[in-house]
């Protein structure tokens, strides 16, 4: 099954998956409860076998389409929903909004072959916290599940690049008036936010700015509070939309 996802890579060393989020690595007392949603039974079974080898991850259910996924999410209340984009009856993106309504605490990771910018953008708007291509390795699937459970966002690097390009284009196309002035960030908070936008984690940002990792966490927390947002990814998108920072 490992080969079906692609070659195994070390996520920390090589940066194969772009992750953004506040604090990560918090110790968990209970396993992460995962609902697997894909219209291919063989693929679902393969994921279950792979994830069963992870002591801190438990597959609690599976579904073959978006409609069934909503029902299962309401019944099982999983921590993570690992879901395909294109499925019969009801697609994964359409199901996202309903899943967030019936299981508000569940975090959704799209796992798909679709590298379409529109699917990525729509998935994020619908509430997905991650967007991964099925070419990733089995190790990266488990790593992404843990990261999202810890409050991070996970996007495959090629898709992260497309996301930034899409938002830059959106900013250039749209000249909307700001009815309320954007919250003012300090120079240091802007520095941190710009580095977050490049996909850097807290450790790398700390090294870049010659400050402690805890100081970086505090800056990120302050940025989210000022912008009244919930994740680093939302902060980057907001900052680009409001022209607080520009991605060149």
Foldseek 3Di string as FASTA:
>chain_A
DQPQQADADDCVPPVQKQKWFFDADDDDPAAAEEEEEAQDPVVSVVLQVLQVVPPRHHHPYYYNALVVVLVVCLVPLGQEYEYEADGPPHGDLRSLLSSCVSRVNHAYAYEYQDLDLVSVVSSVVSHHQEYHYSNHGSVVVVVQSRRVSRGMGIYGPVNLVSNLVVLLVVLVVDDDDDPDQQQDADPVLLLLLVVVSVRDDLVVSCVVVVHDSVVSSVSQVVLCVSRVHRISVVSNSVCSNNVVDHDD
